[in-house]
């Protein structure tokens, strides 16, 4: 652990730190110490890479219904504000674990374990979340990663040259959330052209861009002719892309789930995008962040 209580990871190509509070990635830097992750400036946005569990986005009236009872739940769930137990057995890896407690049970009446493993492998950071149902009833949940990368990346390319390239051709429409934070039914032109999504501040005036049911399981972020980031998410098919216009970051967010639709008033088990985990079962969701020497590297 570092002096300020962070878990430090090192490899010849990358360094990273993780906070036990929220199991949140705090930094990624290349071998020259150049920062790839947003610094969490609280005057703009305090997040860096929050973990989203057991819901994604806002819920109506800040809660949800389960059977005949309502439960309070904050935006993106409670994991990002919870203290995880940290275990590190090697300089390049660590596991942070959250288990149900009386505090979580008051908001989410299920027995669970959420374990997040961080491992540096060369120029890649692999993050694996394992969600286990320790109870006797099927457990509804959503899960998401929310990393904020530097925009521009620290390699000298102009901000307006940055783009996201999808691994596969994409025909899904663009979806948006309304002014209250809920998913609208309107389908928009995707803005993806020949697998490329160019990034411009005006795209985020209406908040996040959401691509549900994409074929790609990885994207590349950066500028041709400069180092870039590969973000792989083999277990998830929804991608959110978000920033505050003019801010120095862009969030590239793989989700297993989606924001709550406008006017939704059903049981959490039936919420669109919600997964269900049988008693005794576990699900894994992975994300790999890999530094590439050039955007066009194979």
C-alpha atoms as a PDB file:
ATOM      1  CA  UNK A   1       0.000   0.000   0.000  1.00  0.00           C
ATOM      2  CA  UNK A   2       1.087   3.581  -0.581  1.00  0.00           C
ATOM      3  CA  UNK A   3       1.358   6.091   2.234  1.00  0.00           C
ATOM      4  CA  UNK A   4      -2.148   7.377   1.474  1.00  0.00           C
ATOM      5  CA  UNK A   5      -3.725   3.906   1.651  1.00  0.00           C
ATOM      6  CA  UNK A   6      -3.826   3.122  -2.069  1.00  0.00           C
ATOM      7  CA  UNK A   7      -2.906  -0.245  -3.546  1.00  0.00           C
ATOM      8  CA  UNK A   8       0.079   0.212  -5.876  1.00  0.00           C
ATOM      9  CA  UNK A   9       0.686  -2.023  -8.910  1.00  0.00           C
ATOM     10  CA  UNK A  10       3.838  -2.028 -11.032  1.00  0.00           C
ATOM     11  CA  UNK A  11       5.089  -3.610 -14.237  1.00  0.00           C
ATOM     12  CA  UNK A  12       7.920  -2.598 -16.605  1.00  0.00           C
ATOM     13  CA  UNK A  13       5.413  -0.859 -18.922  1.00  0.00           C
ATOM     14  CA  UNK A  14       2.730   0.538 -16.586  1.00  0.00           C
ATOM     15  CA  UNK A  15       2.028   1.599 -13.030  1.00  0.00           C
ATOM     16  CA  UNK A  16      -1.401   1.851 -11.433  1.00  0.00           C
ATOM     17  CA  UNK A  17      -3.000   2.650  -8.090  1.00  0.00           C
ATOM     18  CA  UNK A  18      -6.373   1.531  -6.741  1.00  0.00           C
ATOM     19  CA  UNK A  19      -8.348   2.855  -3.786  1.00  0.00           C
ATOM     20  CA  UNK A  20     -10.041   0.402  -1.397  1.00  0.00           C
ATOM     21  CA  UNK A  21     -12.860   2.960  -1.266  1.00  0.00           C
ATOM     22  CA  UNK A  22     -15.081   1.822  -4.104  1.00  0.00           C
ATOM     23  CA  UNK A  23     -12.326  -0.442  -5.529  1.00  0.00           C
ATOM     24  CA  UNK A  24     -11.755   2.550  -7.789  1.00  0.00           C
ATOM     25  CA  UNK A  25      -8.771   2.817 -10.087  1.00  0.00           C
ATOM     26  CA  UNK A  26      -6.978   6.067  -9.213  1.00  0.00           C
ATOM     27  CA  UNK A  27      -4.187   6.214 -11.767  1.00  0.00           C
ATOM     28  CA  UNK A  28      -2.583   4.528 -14.751  1.00  0.00           C
ATOM     29  CA  UNK A  29       0.735   5.802 -16.080  1.00  0.00           C
ATOM     30  CA  UNK A  30       3.105   4.626 -18.794  1.00  0.00           C
ATOM     31  CA  UNK A  31       6.785   3.806 -18.265  1.00  0.00           C
ATOM     32  CA  UNK A  32       7.693   7.500 -18.554  1.00  0.00           C
ATOM     33  CA  UNK A  33       5.136   8.443 -15.899  1.00  0.00           C
ATOM     34  CA  UNK A  34       2.627  10.025 -18.302  1.00  0.00           C
ATOM     35  CA  UNK A  35      -0.870   9.825 -16.840  1.00  0.00           C
ATOM     36  CA  UNK A  36      -3.555   8.055 -18.875  1.00  0.00           C
ATOM     37  CA  UNK A  37      -6.436   8.354 -16.379  1.00  0.00           C
ATOM     38  CA  UNK A  38      -8.410  11.453 -15.348  1.00  0.00           C
ATOM     39  CA  UNK A  39      -7.254  12.944 -12.035  1.00  0.00           C
ATOM     40  CA  UNK A  40     -10.695  13.310 -10.413  1.00  0.00           C
ATOM     41  CA  UNK A  41     -10.685  17.113 -10.125  1.00  0.00           C
ATOM     42  CA  UNK A  42     -13.677  17.665  -7.781  1.00  0.00           C
ATOM     43  CA  UNK A  43     -14.444  21.035  -9.383  1.00  0.00           C
ATOM     44  CA  UNK A  44     -15.265  19.218 -12.639  1.00  0.00           C
ATOM     45  CA  UNK A  45     -15.992  15.562 -11.836  1.00  0.00           C
ATOM     46  CA  UNK A  46     -14.599  13.731  -8.816  1.00  0.00           C
ATOM     47  CA  UNK A  47     -14.819  10.266 -10.344  1.00  0.00           C
ATOM     48  CA  UNK A  48     -11.940   8.460 -11.975  1.00  0.00           C
ATOM     49  CA  UNK A  49     -13.169   4.920 -12.668  1.00  0.00           C
ATOM     50  CA  UNK A  50     -16.133   4.056 -10.419  1.00  0.00           C
ATOM     51  CA  UNK A  51     -17.565   0.542 -10.221  1.00  0.00           C
ATOM     52  CA  UNK A  52     -21.310   0.423 -11.002  1.00  0.00           C
ATOM     53  CA  UNK A  53     -23.226  -2.155  -8.921  1.00  0.00           C
ATOM     54  CA  UNK A  54     -25.963  -3.311  -8.391  1.00  0.00           C
ATOM     55  CA  UNK A  55     -27.619  -0.780 -10.751  1.00  0.00           C
ATOM     56  CA  UNK A  56     -26.541   1.493 -13.588  1.00  0.00           C
ATOM     57  CA  UNK A  57     -27.726   5.096 -13.716  1.00  0.00           C
ATOM     58  CA  UNK A  58     -30.515   6.772 -11.798  1.00  0.00           C
ATOM     59  CA  UNK A  59     -33.663   5.128 -10.468  1.00  0.00           C
ATOM     60  CA  UNK A  60     -37.017   6.869 -10.237  1.00  0.00           C
ATOM     61  CA  UNK A  61     -37.535   8.472  -6.827  1.00  0.00           C
ATOM     62  CA  UNK A  62     -33.989   7.324  -5.957  1.00  0.00           C
ATOM     63  CA  UNK A  63     -35.076   3.750  -5.399  1.00  0.00           C
ATOM     64  CA  UNK A  64     -36.760   0.642  -6.738  1.00  0.00           C
ATOM     65  CA  UNK A  65     -39.547  -1.806  -6.001  1.00  0.00           C
ATOM     66  CA  UNK A  66     -38.928  -5.440  -5.119  1.00  0.00           C
ATOM     67  CA  UNK A  67     -42.077  -7.483  -4.488  1.00  0.00           C
ATOM     68  CA  UNK A  68     -44.227  -5.207  -2.286  1.00  0.00           C
ATOM     69  CA  UNK A  69     -41.450  -3.102  -0.816  1.00  0.00           C
ATOM     70  CA  UNK A  70     -39.435  -0.064  -1.947  1.00  0.00           C
ATOM     71  CA  UNK A  71     -35.702   0.299  -1.367  1.00  0.00           C
ATOM     72  CA  UNK A  72     -33.540   3.399  -1.605  1.00  0.00           C
ATOM     73  CA  UNK A  73     -30.640   3.202  -4.053  1.00  0.00           C
ATOM     74  CA  UNK A  74     -28.211   5.935  -5.151  1.00  0.00           C
ATOM     75  CA  UNK A  75     -27.212   6.595  -8.744  1.00  0.00           C
ATOM     76  CA  UNK A  76     -25.011   3.774 -10.098  1.00  0.00           C
ATOM     77  CA  UNK A  77     -25.527   1.776  -6.890  1.00  0.00           C
ATOM     78  CA  UNK A  78     -23.641   1.658  -3.624  1.00  0.00           C
ATOM     79  CA  UNK A  79     -20.413  -0.173  -4.541  1.00  0.00           C
ATOM     80  CA  UNK A  80     -18.613   2.992  -5.627  1.00  0.00           C
ATOM     81  CA  UNK A  81     -19.068   4.455  -2.136  1.00  0.00           C
ATOM     82  CA  UNK A  82     -18.304   1.282  -0.163  1.00  0.00           C
ATOM     83  CA  UNK A  83     -15.051   0.251   1.480  1.00  0.00           C
ATOM     84  CA  UNK A  84     -13.602  -2.949  -0.010  1.00  0.00           C
ATOM     85  CA  UNK A  85     -11.196  -5.301   1.723  1.00  0.00           C
ATOM     86  CA  UNK A  86      -7.872  -5.297  -0.151  1.00  0.00           C
ATOM     87  CA  UNK A  87      -5.506  -8.243  -0.523  1.00  0.00           C
ATOM     88  CA  UNK A  88      -2.226  -7.987  -2.418  1.00  0.00           C
ATOM     89  CA  UNK A  89       0.109 -10.963  -2.808  1.00  0.00           C
ATOM     90  CA  UNK A  90       2.270  -9.674  -5.692  1.00  0.00           C
ATOM     91  CA  UNK A  91       3.564  -6.270  -6.871  1.00  0.00           C
ATOM     92  CA  UNK A  92       1.543  -6.467 -10.081  1.00  0.00           C
ATOM     93  CA  UNK A  93      -1.869  -7.676  -8.836  1.00  0.00           C
ATOM     94  CA  UNK A  94      -4.453  -7.273  -6.081  1.00  0.00           C
ATOM     95  CA  UNK A  95      -8.003  -8.311  -5.239  1.00  0.00           C
ATOM     96  CA  UNK A  96     -10.529  -6.012  -3.560  1.00  0.00           C
ATOM     97  CA  UNK A  97     -13.684  -7.562  -2.125  1.00  0.00           C
ATOM     98  CA  UNK A  98     -17.071  -6.282  -0.962  1.00  0.00           C
ATOM     99  CA  UNK A  99     -19.467  -8.598   0.873  1.00  0.00           C
ATOM    100  CA  UNK A 100     -23.046  -7.944   1.914  1.00  0.00           C
ATOM    101  CA  UNK A 101     -23.533  -6.302   5.300  1.00  0.00           C
ATOM    102  CA  UNK A 102     -26.446  -4.894   7.318  1.00  0.00           C
ATOM    103  CA  UNK A 103     -25.820  -1.570   5.519  1.00  0.00           C
ATOM    104  CA  UNK A 104     -26.032  -3.093   2.032  1.00  0.00           C
ATOM    105  CA  UNK A 105     -28.951  -5.358   3.010  1.00  0.00           C
ATOM    106  CA  UNK A 106     -31.053  -2.298   3.896  1.00  0.00           C
ATOM    107  CA  UNK A 107     -30.675  -1.134   0.277  1.00  0.00           C
ATOM    108  CA  UNK A 108     -30.338  -4.454  -1.517  1.00  0.00           C
ATOM    109  CA  UNK A 109     -31.746  -7.528   0.302  1.00  0.00           C
ATOM    110  CA  UNK A 110     -29.388 -10.083  -1.192  1.00  0.00           C
ATOM    111  CA  UNK A 111     -26.294 -11.885   0.054  1.00  0.00           C
ATOM    112  CA  UNK A 112     -23.461 -11.334  -2.404  1.00  0.00           C
ATOM    113  CA  UNK A 113     -19.735 -11.027  -2.917  1.00  0.00           C
ATOM    114  CA  UNK A 114     -18.248  -8.573  -5.395  1.00  0.00           C
ATOM    115  CA  UNK A 115     -14.532  -9.214  -5.973  1.00  0.00           C
ATOM    116  CA  UNK A 116     -12.491  -6.980  -8.291  1.00  0.00           C
ATOM    117  CA  UNK A 117      -9.086  -8.256  -9.414  1.00  0.00           C
ATOM    118  CA  UNK A 118      -6.556  -5.819 -10.889  1.00  0.00           C
ATOM    119  CA  UNK A 119      -3.495  -7.256 -12.651  1.00  0.00           C
ATOM    120  CA  UNK A 120      -0.763  -5.618 -14.733  1.00  0.00           C
ATOM    121  CA  UNK A 121       0.493  -7.816 -17.564  1.00  0.00           C
ATOM    122  CA  UNK A 122       3.112  -5.964 -19.584  1.00  0.00           C
ATOM    123  CA  UNK A 123       1.450  -2.931 -21.141  1.00  0.00           C
ATOM    124  CA  UNK A 124      -2.064  -4.061 -20.138  1.00  0.00           C
ATOM    125  CA  UNK A 125      -4.183  -3.666 -17.023  1.00  0.00           C
ATOM    126  CA  UNK A 126      -6.700  -6.489 -16.660  1.00  0.00           C
ATOM    127  CA  UNK A 127      -9.677  -5.898 -14.391  1.00  0.00           C
ATOM    128  CA  UNK A 128     -11.979  -8.810 -13.580  1.00  0.00           C
ATOM    129  CA  UNK A 129     -15.144  -8.436 -11.515  1.00  0.00           C
ATOM    130  CA  UNK A 130     -16.666 -11.600 -10.057  1.00  0.00           C
ATOM    131  CA  UNK A 131     -20.191 -11.344  -8.647  1.00  0.00           C
ATOM    132  CA  UNK A 132     -21.417 -14.252  -6.545  1.00  0.00           C
ATOM    133  CA  UNK A 133     -24.903 -14.881  -5.171  1.00  0.00           C
ATOM    134  CA  UNK A 134     -24.444 -16.232  -1.623  1.00  0.00           C
ATOM    135  CA  UNK A 135     -28.147 -16.304  -0.858  1.00  0.00           C
ATOM    136  CA  UNK A 136     -31.107 -18.601  -1.460  1.00  0.00           C
ATOM    137  CA  UNK A 137     -33.016 -16.466  -3.985  1.00  0.00           C
ATOM    138  CA  UNK A 138     -32.270 -15.379  -7.562  1.00  0.00           C
ATOM    139  CA  UNK A 139     -30.426 -12.048  -7.455  1.00  0.00           C
ATOM    140  CA  UNK A 140     -31.183  -9.278  -9.978  1.00  0.00           C
ATOM    141  CA  UNK A 141     -28.303  -6.926 -10.736  1.00  0.00           C
ATOM    142  CA  UNK A 142     -26.526  -4.779 -13.275  1.00  0.00           C
ATOM    143  CA  UNK A 143     -22.799  -4.117 -13.444  1.00  0.00           C
ATOM    144  CA  UNK A 144     -20.608  -1.622 -15.239  1.00  0.00           C
ATOM    145  CA  UNK A 145     -17.125  -0.126 -15.530  1.00  0.00           C
ATOM    146  CA  UNK A 146     -16.809   3.681 -15.751  1.00  0.00           C
ATOM    147  CA  UNK A 147     -13.151   4.605 -16.498  1.00  0.00           C
ATOM    148  CA  UNK A 148     -12.333   8.195 -17.444  1.00  0.00           C
ATOM    149  CA  UNK A 149      -9.357   8.519 -19.779  1.00  0.00           C
ATOM    150  CA  UNK A 150      -7.380  11.662 -20.492  1.00  0.00           C
ATOM    151  CA  UNK A 151      -8.751  13.660 -23.399  1.00  0.00           C
ATOM    152  CA  UNK A 152      -6.373  14.457 -24.980  1.00  0.00           C
ATOM    153  CA  UNK A 153      -4.031  11.589 -24.210  1.00  0.00           C
ATOM    154  CA  UNK A 154      -0.529  12.797 -23.206  1.00  0.00           C
ATOM    155  CA  UNK A 155       1.138  12.145 -26.563  1.00  0.00           C
ATOM    156  CA  UNK A 156       0.935  15.515 -28.308  1.00  0.00           C
ATOM    157  CA  UNK A 157      -2.047  14.899 -30.599  1.00  0.00           C
ATOM    158  CA  UNK A 158      -4.777  17.561 -30.784  1.00  0.00           C
ATOM    159  CA  UNK A 159      -7.894  17.073 -28.692  1.00  0.00           C
ATOM    160  CA  UNK A 160     -10.208  17.284 -31.707  1.00  0.00           C
ATOM    161  CA  UNK A 161      -8.324  14.490 -33.464  1.00  0.00           C
ATOM    162  CA  UNK A 162      -9.263  11.870 -30.866  1.00  0.00           C
ATOM    163  CA  UNK A 163     -11.622   9.111 -31.891  1.00  0.00           C
ATOM    164  CA  UNK A 164     -12.958   5.709 -30.874  1.00  0.00           C
ATOM    165  CA  UNK A 165     -12.612   2.863 -33.348  1.00  0.00           C
ATOM    166  CA  UNK A 166     -14.920  -0.114 -32.859  1.00  0.00           C
ATOM    167  CA  UNK A 167     -13.566  -3.604 -33.514  1.00  0.00           C
ATOM    168  CA  UNK A 168     -16.557  -4.570 -35.676  1.00  0.00           C
ATOM    169  CA  UNK A 169     -19.003  -2.722 -37.951  1.00  0.00           C
ATOM    170  CA  UNK A 170     -21.837  -1.303 -35.847  1.00  0.00           C
ATOM    171  CA  UNK A 171     -25.419  -0.793 -36.940  1.00  0.00           C
ATOM    172  CA  UNK A 172     -26.984  -0.044 -33.563  1.00  0.00           C
ATOM    173  CA  UNK A 173     -28.628   3.351 -33.058  1.00  0.00           C
ATOM    174  CA  UNK A 174     -27.508   5.940 -30.541  1.00  0.00           C
ATOM    175  CA  UNK A 175     -29.603   6.194 -27.379  1.00  0.00           C
ATOM    176  CA  UNK A 176     -29.802   9.117 -24.964  1.00  0.00           C
ATOM    177  CA  UNK A 177     -30.993   9.908 -21.463  1.00  0.00           C
ATOM    178  CA  UNK A 178     -33.384  12.756 -20.716  1.00  0.00           C
ATOM    179  CA  UNK A 179     -32.786  15.804 -18.526  1.00  0.00           C
ATOM    180  CA  UNK A 180     -33.698  13.785 -15.438  1.00  0.00           C
ATOM    181  CA  UNK A 181     -31.223  10.998 -16.217  1.00  0.00           C
ATOM    182  CA  UNK A 182     -33.567   8.339 -17.643  1.00  0.00           C
ATOM    183  CA  UNK A 183     -33.302   6.446 -20.931  1.00  0.00           C
ATOM    184  CA  UNK A 184     -35.543   7.852 -23.669  1.00  0.00           C
ATOM    185  CA  UNK A 185     -37.290   5.633 -26.241  1.00  0.00           C
ATOM    186  CA  UNK A 186     -36.026   7.792 -29.133  1.00  0.00           C
ATOM    187  CA  UNK A 187     -33.436   6.171 -31.416  1.00  0.00           C
ATOM    188  CA  UNK A 188     -30.836   8.482 -32.993  1.00  0.00           C
ATOM    189  CA  UNK A 189     -28.314   8.175 -35.786  1.00  0.00           C
ATOM    190  CA  UNK A 190     -25.322   6.397 -34.251  1.00  0.00           C
ATOM    191  CA  UNK A 191     -22.619   8.875 -35.436  1.00  0.00           C
ATOM    192  CA  UNK A 192     -20.331   5.864 -36.026  1.00  0.00           C
ATOM    193  CA  UNK A 193     -18.879   6.011 -39.548  1.00  0.00           C
ATOM    194  CA  UNK A 194     -16.820   3.090 -40.896  1.00  0.00           C
ATOM    195  CA  UNK A 195     -16.349   1.907 -37.304  1.00  0.00           C
ATOM    196  CA  UNK A 196     -15.070   5.348 -36.214  1.00  0.00           C
ATOM    197  CA  UNK A 197     -16.715   7.638 -33.666  1.00  0.00           C
ATOM    198  CA  UNK A 198     -15.055  11.062 -33.789  1.00  0.00           C
ATOM    199  CA  UNK A 199     -15.176  12.865 -30.437  1.00  0.00           C
ATOM    200  CA  UNK A 200     -16.484  16.421 -30.185  1.00  0.00           C
ATOM    201  CA  UNK A 201     -17.753  18.344 -27.164  1.00  0.00           C
ATOM    202  CA  UNK A 202     -21.109  19.129 -28.753  1.00  0.00           C
ATOM    203  CA  UNK A 203     -21.927  15.397 -28.784  1.00  0.00           C
ATOM    204  CA  UNK A 204     -22.156  15.519 -24.977  1.00  0.00           C
ATOM    205  CA  UNK A 205     -24.442  18.517 -24.506  1.00  0.00           C
ATOM    206  CA  UNK A 206     -27.259  15.958 -24.173  1.00  0.00           C
ATOM    207  CA  UNK A 207     -25.193  13.856 -21.736  1.00  0.00           C
ATOM    208  CA  UNK A 208     -23.932  10.347 -22.505  1.00  0.00           C
ATOM    209  CA  UNK A 209     -23.989   8.511 -25.805  1.00  0.00           C
ATOM    210  CA  UNK A 210     -25.265   4.969 -25.244  1.00  0.00           C
ATOM    211  CA  UNK A 211     -24.787   2.111 -27.704  1.00  0.00           C
ATOM    212  CA  UNK A 212     -26.806  -0.947 -26.693  1.00  0.00           C
ATOM    213  CA  UNK A 213     -26.261  -4.392 -28.227  1.00  0.00           C
ATOM    214  CA  UNK A 214     -23.039  -3.660 -30.070  1.00  0.00           C
ATOM    215  CA  UNK A 215     -21.157  -6.373 -31.951  1.00  0.00           C
ATOM    216  CA  UNK A 216     -17.711  -5.143 -30.862  1.00  0.00           C
ATOM    217  CA  UNK A 217     -16.043  -6.429 -27.729  1.00  0.00           C
ATOM    218  CA  UNK A 218     -13.215  -3.913 -27.874  1.00  0.00           C
ATOM    219  CA  UNK A 219     -12.559  -0.352 -29.000  1.00  0.00           C
ATOM    220  CA  UNK A 220      -9.417   1.690 -29.578  1.00  0.00           C
ATOM    221  CA  UNK A 221      -9.127   5.262 -28.334  1.00  0.00           C
ATOM    222  CA  UNK A 222      -6.602   7.807 -29.575  1.00  0.00           C
ATOM    223  CA  UNK A 223      -5.235   9.470 -32.713  1.00  0.00           C
ATOM    224  CA  UNK A 224      -3.547   7.808 -35.709  1.00  0.00           C
ATOM    225  CA  UNK A 225       0.228   8.179 -35.558  1.00  0.00           C
ATOM    226  CA  UNK A 226       0.265   8.352 -31.755  1.00  0.00           C
ATOM    227  CA  UNK A 227       0.092   5.886 -28.852  1.00  0.00           C
ATOM    228  CA  UNK A 228      -3.454   4.760 -28.097  1.00  0.00           C
ATOM    229  CA  UNK A 229      -5.501   2.719 -25.650  1.00  0.00           C
ATOM    230  CA  UNK A 230      -7.252  -0.546 -26.429  1.00  0.00           C
ATOM    231  CA  UNK A 231     -10.267  -1.143 -24.172  1.00  0.00           C
ATOM    232  CA  UNK A 232     -11.579  -4.724 -24.325  1.00  0.00           C
ATOM    233  CA  UNK A 233     -14.807  -5.915 -22.663  1.00  0.00           C
ATOM    234  CA  UNK A 234     -15.498  -9.511 -23.765  1.00  0.00           C
ATOM    235  CA  UNK A 235     -18.497 -10.029 -21.450  1.00  0.00           C
ATOM    236  CA  UNK A 236     -20.524  -6.868 -22.129  1.00  0.00           C
ATOM    237  CA  UNK A 237     -22.519  -5.579 -25.091  1.00  0.00           C
ATOM    238  CA  UNK A 238     -23.477  -2.035 -24.088  1.00  0.00           C
ATOM    239  CA  UNK A 239     -21.075   0.908 -24.232  1.00  0.00           C
ATOM    240  CA  UNK A 240     -21.584   4.340 -22.732  1.00  0.00           C
ATOM    241  CA  UNK A 241     -19.413   7.266 -23.846  1.00  0.00           C
ATOM    242  CA  UNK A 242     -19.556  10.414 -21.723  1.00  0.00           C
ATOM    243  CA  UNK A 243     -17.871  13.610 -20.641  1.00  0.00           C
ATOM    244  CA  UNK A 244     -18.794  17.077 -19.498  1.00  0.00           C
ATOM    245  CA  UNK A 245     -18.276  19.311 -22.551  1.00  0.00           C
ATOM    246  CA  UNK A 246     -14.820  20.864 -22.387  1.00  0.00           C
ATOM    247  CA  UNK A 247     -13.544  18.590 -19.615  1.00  0.00           C
ATOM    248  CA  UNK A 248     -10.182  16.830 -19.884  1.00  0.00           C
ATOM    249  CA  UNK A 249     -11.543  13.288 -19.961  1.00  0.00           C
ATOM    250  CA  UNK A 250     -13.767  10.914 -21.850  1.00  0.00           C
ATOM    251  CA  UNK A 251     -15.421   7.943 -20.154  1.00  0.00           C
ATOM    252  CA  UNK A 252     -15.575   4.728 -22.180  1.00  0.00           C
ATOM    253  CA  UNK A 253     -17.942   2.550 -20.150  1.00  0.00           C
ATOM    254  CA  UNK A 254     -18.690  -1.139 -20.795  1.00  0.00           C
ATOM    255  CA  UNK A 255     -21.984  -2.124 -19.152  1.00  0.00           C
ATOM    256  CA  UNK A 256     -23.896  -5.308 -18.369  1.00  0.00           C
ATOM    257  CA  UNK A 257     -27.192  -3.468 -17.999  1.00  0.00           C
ATOM    258  CA  UNK A 258     -28.517  -0.041 -18.916  1.00  0.00           C
ATOM    259  CA  UNK A 259     -30.025   3.098 -17.442  1.00  0.00           C
ATOM    260  CA  UNK A 260     -33.633   2.971 -16.242  1.00  0.00           C
ATOM    261  CA  UNK A 261     -36.143   3.943 -18.972  1.00  0.00           C
ATOM    262  CA  UNK A 262     -38.380   6.993 -18.690  1.00  0.00           C
ATOM    263  CA  UNK A 263     -41.488   6.205 -16.647  1.00  0.00           C
ATOM    264  CA  UNK A 264     -40.329   2.766 -15.518  1.00  0.00           C
ATOM    265  CA  UNK A 265     -42.242   1.558 -12.456  1.00  0.00           C
ATOM    266  CA  UNK A 266     -41.768  -2.192 -12.397  1.00  0.00           C
ATOM    267  CA  UNK A 267     -40.082  -4.689 -10.129  1.00  0.00           C
ATOM    268  CA  UNK A 268     -36.261  -4.648 -10.120  1.00  0.00           C
ATOM    269  CA  UNK A 269     -36.279  -8.234 -11.412  1.00  0.00           C
ATOM    270  CA  UNK A 270     -38.001  -7.063 -14.587  1.00  0.00           C
ATOM    271  CA  UNK A 271     -36.002  -3.873 -15.142  1.00  0.00           C
ATOM    272  CA  UNK A 272     -34.730  -3.671 -18.744  1.00  0.00           C
ATOM    273  CA  UNK A 273     -31.116  -4.749 -18.895  1.00  0.00           C
ATOM    274  CA  UNK A 274     -31.158  -6.365 -15.450  1.00  0.00           C
ATOM    275  CA  UNK A 275     -29.322  -9.688 -15.092  1.00  0.00           C
ATOM    276  CA  UNK A 276     -30.351 -12.482 -12.758  1.00  0.00           C
ATOM    277  CA  UNK A 277     -27.963 -14.699 -10.835  1.00  0.00           C
ATOM    278  CA  UNK A 278     -29.131 -18.044  -9.461  1.00  0.00           C
ATOM    279  CA  UNK A 279     -28.333 -19.014  -5.855  1.00  0.00           C
ATOM    280  CA  UNK A 280     -24.759 -20.235  -5.581  1.00  0.00           C
ATOM    281  CA  UNK A 281     -23.816 -18.982  -9.036  1.00  0.00           C
ATOM    282  CA  UNK A 282     -21.232 -16.379 -10.032  1.00  0.00           C
ATOM    283  CA  UNK A 283     -20.669 -14.179 -13.091  1.00  0.00           C
ATOM    284  CA  UNK A 284     -17.460 -12.590 -14.300  1.00  0.00           C
ATOM    285  CA  UNK A 285     -17.094  -9.341 -16.211  1.00  0.00           C
ATOM    286  CA  UNK A 286     -13.713  -8.316 -17.529  1.00  0.00           C
ATOM    287  CA  UNK A 287     -12.162  -5.152 -18.929  1.00  0.00           C
ATOM    288  CA  UNK A 288      -8.614  -4.807 -20.234  1.00  0.00           C
ATOM    289  CA  UNK A 289      -6.917  -1.451 -20.799  1.00  0.00           C
ATOM    290  CA  UNK A 290      -3.858  -1.900 -23.028  1.00  0.00           C
ATOM    291  CA  UNK A 291      -1.395   0.742 -24.199  1.00  0.00           C
ATOM    292  CA  UNK A 292      -0.537   0.463 -27.885  1.00  0.00           C
ATOM    293  CA  UNK A 293       2.455   2.155 -29.542  1.00  0.00           C
ATOM    294  CA  UNK A 294       0.282   3.474 -32.365  1.00  0.00           C
ATOM    295  CA  UNK A 295      -3.447   3.818 -32.978  1.00  0.00           C
ATOM    296  CA  UNK A 296      -3.063   1.744 -36.149  1.00  0.00           C
ATOM    297  CA  UNK A 297      -1.019  -1.025 -34.525  1.00  0.00           C
ATOM    298  CA  UNK A 298      -2.474  -4.471 -35.256  1.00  0.00           C
END
